[in-house]
């Protein structure tokens, strides 16, 4: 029997209860909220990545012709060039995580969010903002970079940081340190 005072404190702080190891592993996985979060997020990440792929590879009709989309070879090359940076920061964060280890699902959430959802949001908001700030007529060509200077940095960083606020809201009682 557990201590009723400790059990009440655990429930008030929304801390997880003891895991029932008598259940078989598949049943424990199906009952876990983390399993369903990973499944839902994998679907959302996949949909966001496919949407971005079809958006940036599509040809854009403009007055007087068509602007071709980015080809698949350029996307593969960009992915290979981004891989060393991803590997470096992954190693750094795993090294830092040894002080207060997090679940693998939190790592998946943050990495997938930054790689798919944040880029999806940034792509669409930056495109919309660039259209709103577009120069028509005999404008100065140097003003075409206004969206990249004034809008993109704020939108991209806010989109990446939103996952931190999401984690803080969802797991607010689980992000506690030990008192001892």
C-alpha atoms as a PDB file:
ATOM      1  CA  UNK A   1       0.000   0.000   0.000  1.00  0.00           C
ATOM      2  CA  UNK A   2       1.312   3.449  -0.828  1.00  0.00           C
ATOM      3  CA  UNK A   3       1.461   6.426   1.452  1.00  0.00           C
ATOM      4  CA  UNK A   4      -1.856   8.334   0.993  1.00  0.00           C
ATOM      5  CA  UNK A   5      -0.206  11.718   1.553  1.00  0.00           C
ATOM      6  CA  UNK A   6       2.444  10.995  -1.081  1.00  0.00           C
ATOM      7  CA  UNK A   7      -0.226   9.706  -3.473  1.00  0.00           C
ATOM      8  CA  UNK A   8      -2.283  12.888  -3.015  1.00  0.00           C
ATOM      9  CA  UNK A   9       0.782  15.068  -3.620  1.00  0.00           C
ATOM     10  CA  UNK A  10       1.609  13.063  -6.752  1.00  0.00           C
ATOM     11  CA  UNK A  11      -1.909  13.502  -8.164  1.00  0.00           C
ATOM     12  CA  UNK A  12      -2.025  17.227  -7.296  1.00  0.00           C
ATOM     13  CA  UNK A  13       1.243  17.780  -9.144  1.00  0.00           C
ATOM     14  CA  UNK A  14       0.031  15.685 -12.091  1.00  0.00           C
ATOM     15  CA  UNK A  15       3.068  13.434 -11.844  1.00  0.00           C
ATOM     16  CA  UNK A  16       2.861  10.009 -13.466  1.00  0.00           C
ATOM     17  CA  UNK A  17       1.963   7.080 -11.281  1.00  0.00           C
ATOM     18  CA  UNK A  18       3.937   3.896 -10.995  1.00  0.00           C
ATOM     19  CA  UNK A  19       4.034   1.809 -14.155  1.00  0.00           C
ATOM     20  CA  UNK A  20       2.243  -1.533 -13.960  1.00  0.00           C
ATOM     21  CA  UNK A  21       4.907  -3.914 -15.251  1.00  0.00           C
ATOM     22  CA  UNK A  22       2.574  -6.897 -14.959  1.00  0.00           C
ATOM     23  CA  UNK A  23       0.914  -5.890 -18.240  1.00  0.00           C
ATOM     24  CA  UNK A  24       2.568  -7.126 -21.436  1.00  0.00           C
ATOM     25  CA  UNK A  25       4.655  -4.573 -23.351  1.00  0.00           C
ATOM     26  CA  UNK A  26       2.241  -4.175 -26.309  1.00  0.00           C
ATOM     27  CA  UNK A  27      -0.623  -3.377 -23.948  1.00  0.00           C
ATOM     28  CA  UNK A  28       1.518  -0.854 -22.028  1.00  0.00           C
ATOM     29  CA  UNK A  29       2.498   0.800 -25.318  1.00  0.00           C
ATOM     30  CA  UNK A  30      -1.123   1.040 -26.446  1.00  0.00           C
ATOM     31  CA  UNK A  31      -2.128   2.638 -23.123  1.00  0.00           C
ATOM     32  CA  UNK A  32       0.714   5.164 -23.208  1.00  0.00           C
ATOM     33  CA  UNK A  33      -0.105   8.712 -24.265  1.00  0.00           C
ATOM     34  CA  UNK A  34       3.420   9.080 -25.627  1.00  0.00           C
ATOM     35  CA  UNK A  35       2.795   6.313 -28.187  1.00  0.00           C
ATOM     36  CA  UNK A  36      -0.255   8.070 -29.574  1.00  0.00           C
ATOM     37  CA  UNK A  37       1.513  11.442 -29.532  1.00  0.00           C
ATOM     38  CA  UNK A  38       4.329   9.968 -31.616  1.00  0.00           C
ATOM     39  CA  UNK A  39       1.881   8.413 -34.083  1.00  0.00           C
ATOM     40  CA  UNK A  40      -0.088  11.657 -34.477  1.00  0.00           C
ATOM     41  CA  UNK A  41       3.059  13.767 -34.762  1.00  0.00           C
ATOM     42  CA  UNK A  42       4.602  11.428 -37.329  1.00  0.00           C
ATOM     43  CA  UNK A  43       1.501  11.839 -39.486  1.00  0.00           C
ATOM     44  CA  UNK A  44       1.563  15.630 -39.038  1.00  0.00           C
ATOM     45  CA  UNK A  45       5.293  15.819 -39.817  1.00  0.00           C
ATOM     46  CA  UNK A  46       4.878  13.681 -42.923  1.00  0.00           C
ATOM     47  CA  UNK A  47       1.959  15.779 -44.181  1.00  0.00           C
ATOM     48  CA  UNK A  48       3.897  19.019 -43.591  1.00  0.00           C
ATOM     49  CA  UNK A  49       6.980  17.714 -45.406  1.00  0.00           C
ATOM     50  CA  UNK A  50       4.975  16.474 -48.404  1.00  0.00           C
ATOM     51  CA  UNK A  51       3.123  19.792 -48.571  1.00  0.00           C
ATOM     52  CA  UNK A  52       6.410  21.690 -48.573  1.00  0.00           C
ATOM     53  CA  UNK A  53       7.879  19.393 -51.201  1.00  0.00           C
ATOM     54  CA  UNK A  54       4.942  19.900 -53.568  1.00  0.00           C
ATOM     55  CA  UNK A  55       4.956  23.651 -52.895  1.00  0.00           C
ATOM     56  CA  UNK A  56       8.626  24.263 -53.666  1.00  0.00           C
ATOM     57  CA  UNK A  57       8.870  21.867 -56.631  1.00  0.00           C
ATOM     58  CA  UNK A  58       5.820  23.251 -58.427  1.00  0.00           C
ATOM     59  CA  UNK A  59       6.276  25.568 -61.376  1.00  0.00           C
ATOM     60  CA  UNK A  60       4.959  29.084 -60.719  1.00  0.00           C
ATOM     61  CA  UNK A  61       3.234  30.859 -63.618  1.00  0.00           C
ATOM     62  CA  UNK A  62       4.086  34.562 -63.816  1.00  0.00           C
ATOM     63  CA  UNK A  63       3.425  37.273 -66.327  1.00  0.00           C
ATOM     64  CA  UNK A  64       5.516  36.447 -69.383  1.00  0.00           C
ATOM     65  CA  UNK A  65       6.396  32.855 -68.533  1.00  0.00           C
ATOM     66  CA  UNK A  66       6.884  30.265 -65.839  1.00  0.00           C
ATOM     67  CA  UNK A  67       9.355  30.120 -62.950  1.00  0.00           C
ATOM     68  CA  UNK A  68      10.449  26.497 -62.581  1.00  0.00           C
ATOM     69  CA  UNK A  69      10.310  24.903 -59.145  1.00  0.00           C
ATOM     70  CA  UNK A  70      13.278  23.472 -57.315  1.00  0.00           C
ATOM     71  CA  UNK A  71      14.290  20.071 -58.690  1.00  0.00           C
ATOM     72  CA  UNK A  72      14.745  16.925 -56.614  1.00  0.00           C
ATOM     73  CA  UNK A  73      18.519  16.905 -57.066  1.00  0.00           C
ATOM     74  CA  UNK A  74      18.766  20.321 -55.390  1.00  0.00           C
ATOM     75  CA  UNK A  75      16.648  19.111 -52.472  1.00  0.00           C
ATOM     76  CA  UNK A  76      18.832  16.017 -52.016  1.00  0.00           C
ATOM     77  CA  UNK A  77      21.987  18.157 -52.166  1.00  0.00           C
ATOM     78  CA  UNK A  78      20.583  20.573 -49.569  1.00  0.00           C
ATOM     79  CA  UNK A  79      19.695  17.652 -47.279  1.00  0.00           C
ATOM     80  CA  UNK A  80      23.251  16.278 -47.523  1.00  0.00           C
ATOM     81  CA  UNK A  81      24.689  19.711 -46.781  1.00  0.00           C
ATOM     82  CA  UNK A  82      22.420  20.092 -43.738  1.00  0.00           C
ATOM     83  CA  UNK A  83      23.284  16.648 -42.352  1.00  0.00           C
ATOM     84  CA  UNK A  84      26.618  17.602 -40.668  1.00  0.00           C
ATOM     85  CA  UNK A  85      24.938  20.464 -38.813  1.00  0.00           C
ATOM     86  CA  UNK A  86      22.142  18.156 -37.669  1.00  0.00           C
ATOM     87  CA  UNK A  87      24.658  15.549 -36.512  1.00  0.00           C
ATOM     88  CA  UNK A  88      26.753  18.120 -34.623  1.00  0.00           C
ATOM     89  CA  UNK A  89      23.824  19.645 -32.740  1.00  0.00           C
ATOM     90  CA  UNK A  90      22.322  16.233 -32.017  1.00  0.00           C
ATOM     91  CA  UNK A  91      25.582  15.138 -30.382  1.00  0.00           C
ATOM     92  CA  UNK A  92      25.776  18.390 -28.394  1.00  0.00           C
ATOM     93  CA  UNK A  93      22.212  18.067 -27.110  1.00  0.00           C
ATOM     94  CA  UNK A  94      22.607  14.380 -26.262  1.00  0.00           C
ATOM     95  CA  UNK A  95      25.744  15.267 -24.332  1.00  0.00           C
ATOM     96  CA  UNK A  96      23.896  18.045 -22.479  1.00  0.00           C
ATOM     97  CA  UNK A  97      20.917  15.737 -21.881  1.00  0.00           C
ATOM     98  CA  UNK A  98      22.945  13.488 -19.613  1.00  0.00           C
ATOM     99  CA  UNK A  99      22.378  15.936 -16.736  1.00  0.00           C
ATOM    100  CA  UNK A 100      18.580  15.768 -16.941  1.00  0.00           C
ATOM    101  CA  UNK A 101      17.594  13.045 -19.426  1.00  0.00           C
ATOM    102  CA  UNK A 102      14.348  13.476 -21.338  1.00  0.00           C
ATOM    103  CA  UNK A 103      12.187  10.914 -23.064  1.00  0.00           C
ATOM    104  CA  UNK A 104      13.033   9.992 -26.626  1.00  0.00           C
ATOM    105  CA  UNK A 105       9.537  11.196 -27.555  1.00  0.00           C
ATOM    106  CA  UNK A 106      10.445  14.751 -26.480  1.00  0.00           C
ATOM    107  CA  UNK A 107      13.520  14.622 -28.708  1.00  0.00           C
ATOM    108  CA  UNK A 108      11.378  13.371 -31.582  1.00  0.00           C
ATOM    109  CA  UNK A 109       8.811  16.091 -30.933  1.00  0.00           C
ATOM    110  CA  UNK A 110      11.319  18.927 -30.964  1.00  0.00           C
ATOM    111  CA  UNK A 111      13.435  17.718 -33.884  1.00  0.00           C
ATOM    112  CA  UNK A 112      10.417  16.892 -36.022  1.00  0.00           C
ATOM    113  CA  UNK A 113       8.749  20.178 -35.143  1.00  0.00           C
ATOM    114  CA  UNK A 114      11.787  22.207 -36.165  1.00  0.00           C
ATOM    115  CA  UNK A 115      12.311  20.205 -39.338  1.00  0.00           C
ATOM    116  CA  UNK A 116       8.743  20.055 -40.598  1.00  0.00           C
ATOM    117  CA  UNK A 117       6.084  22.083 -38.771  1.00  0.00           C
ATOM    118  CA  UNK A 118       8.213  25.201 -38.180  1.00  0.00           C
ATOM    119  CA  UNK A 119       9.447  25.190 -41.774  1.00  0.00           C
ATOM    120  CA  UNK A 120       5.894  24.618 -43.047  1.00  0.00           C
ATOM    121  CA  UNK A 121       4.579  27.584 -41.048  1.00  0.00           C
ATOM    122  CA  UNK A 122       7.547  29.751 -42.057  1.00  0.00           C
ATOM    123  CA  UNK A 123       7.160  28.886 -45.744  1.00  0.00           C
ATOM    124  CA  UNK A 124       3.517  29.901 -45.849  1.00  0.00           C
ATOM    125  CA  UNK A 125       3.715  32.999 -43.652  1.00  0.00           C
ATOM    126  CA  UNK A 126       6.862  34.284 -45.362  1.00  0.00           C
ATOM    127  CA  UNK A 127       5.320  33.723 -48.800  1.00  0.00           C
ATOM    128  CA  UNK A 128       2.175  35.573 -47.781  1.00  0.00           C
ATOM    129  CA  UNK A 129       4.179  38.438 -46.228  1.00  0.00           C
ATOM    130  CA  UNK A 130       6.366  38.734 -49.332  1.00  0.00           C
ATOM    131  CA  UNK A 131       3.255  39.010 -51.484  1.00  0.00           C
ATOM    132  CA  UNK A 132       1.877  41.729 -49.211  1.00  0.00           C
ATOM    133  CA  UNK A 133       5.148  43.666 -49.338  1.00  0.00           C
ATOM    134  CA  UNK A 134       5.642  43.193 -53.079  1.00  0.00           C
ATOM    135  CA  UNK A 135       6.753  46.226 -55.034  1.00  0.00           C
ATOM    136  CA  UNK A 136       4.703  46.932 -58.133  1.00  0.00           C
ATOM    137  CA  UNK A 137       5.582  49.278 -60.920  1.00  0.00           C
ATOM    138  CA  UNK A 138       9.016  50.857 -61.179  1.00  0.00           C
ATOM    139  CA  UNK A 139      10.172  50.012 -57.665  1.00  0.00           C
ATOM    140  CA  UNK A 140      13.741  49.762 -56.521  1.00  0.00           C
ATOM    141  CA  UNK A 141      14.994  46.162 -56.988  1.00  0.00           C
ATOM    142  CA  UNK A 142      16.750  46.344 -53.626  1.00  0.00           C
ATOM    143  CA  UNK A 143      13.363  46.516 -51.877  1.00  0.00           C
ATOM    144  CA  UNK A 144      12.483  42.968 -53.011  1.00  0.00           C
ATOM    145  CA  UNK A 145      14.472  41.646 -50.047  1.00  0.00           C
ATOM    146  CA  UNK A 146      12.228  43.403 -47.526  1.00  0.00           C
ATOM    147  CA  UNK A 147      10.349  40.254 -46.525  1.00  0.00           C
ATOM    148  CA  UNK A 148      13.601  38.351 -45.970  1.00  0.00           C
ATOM    149  CA  UNK A 149      14.929  41.159 -43.789  1.00  0.00           C
ATOM    150  CA  UNK A 150      11.880  42.320 -41.854  1.00  0.00           C
ATOM    151  CA  UNK A 151       9.581  39.284 -41.676  1.00  0.00           C
ATOM    152  CA  UNK A 152      11.447  35.996 -42.077  1.00  0.00           C
ATOM    153  CA  UNK A 153      13.744  36.058 -39.016  1.00  0.00           C
ATOM    154  CA  UNK A 154      10.886  36.744 -36.615  1.00  0.00           C
ATOM    155  CA  UNK A 155       8.498  34.242 -38.187  1.00  0.00           C
ATOM    156  CA  UNK A 156      11.068  31.452 -38.378  1.00  0.00           C
ATOM    157  CA  UNK A 157      12.334  31.839 -34.821  1.00  0.00           C
ATOM    158  CA  UNK A 158       8.793  32.127 -33.432  1.00  0.00           C
ATOM    159  CA  UNK A 159       7.769  28.977 -35.319  1.00  0.00           C
ATOM    160  CA  UNK A 160      10.738  27.042 -33.910  1.00  0.00           C
ATOM    161  CA  UNK A 161      10.257  28.346 -30.367  1.00  0.00           C
ATOM    162  CA  UNK A 162       6.538  27.547 -30.329  1.00  0.00           C
ATOM    163  CA  UNK A 163       7.318  23.878 -29.612  1.00  0.00           C
ATOM    164  CA  UNK A 164       8.993  24.912 -26.362  1.00  0.00           C
ATOM    165  CA  UNK A 165       5.863  26.745 -25.256  1.00  0.00           C
ATOM    166  CA  UNK A 166       3.749  23.771 -26.344  1.00  0.00           C
ATOM    167  CA  UNK A 167       5.852  21.398 -24.230  1.00  0.00           C
ATOM    168  CA  UNK A 168       5.732  23.794 -21.281  1.00  0.00           C
ATOM    169  CA  UNK A 169       1.939  23.984 -21.453  1.00  0.00           C
ATOM    170  CA  UNK A 170       1.306  20.269 -21.992  1.00  0.00           C
ATOM    171  CA  UNK A 171       3.887  18.951 -19.531  1.00  0.00           C
ATOM    172  CA  UNK A 172       3.913  21.846 -17.078  1.00  0.00           C
ATOM    173  CA  UNK A 173       3.759  19.638 -14.014  1.00  0.00           C
ATOM    174  CA  UNK A 174       6.235  17.104 -15.323  1.00  0.00           C
ATOM    175  CA  UNK A 175       8.951  19.705 -15.875  1.00  0.00           C
ATOM    176  CA  UNK A 176       9.973  19.756 -12.248  1.00  0.00           C
ATOM    177  CA  UNK A 177      13.270  19.164 -10.560  1.00  0.00           C
ATOM    178  CA  UNK A 178      13.892  17.006  -7.543  1.00  0.00           C
ATOM    179  CA  UNK A 179      13.820  18.738  -4.194  1.00  0.00           C
ATOM    180  CA  UNK A 180      16.624  16.657  -2.749  1.00  0.00           C
END
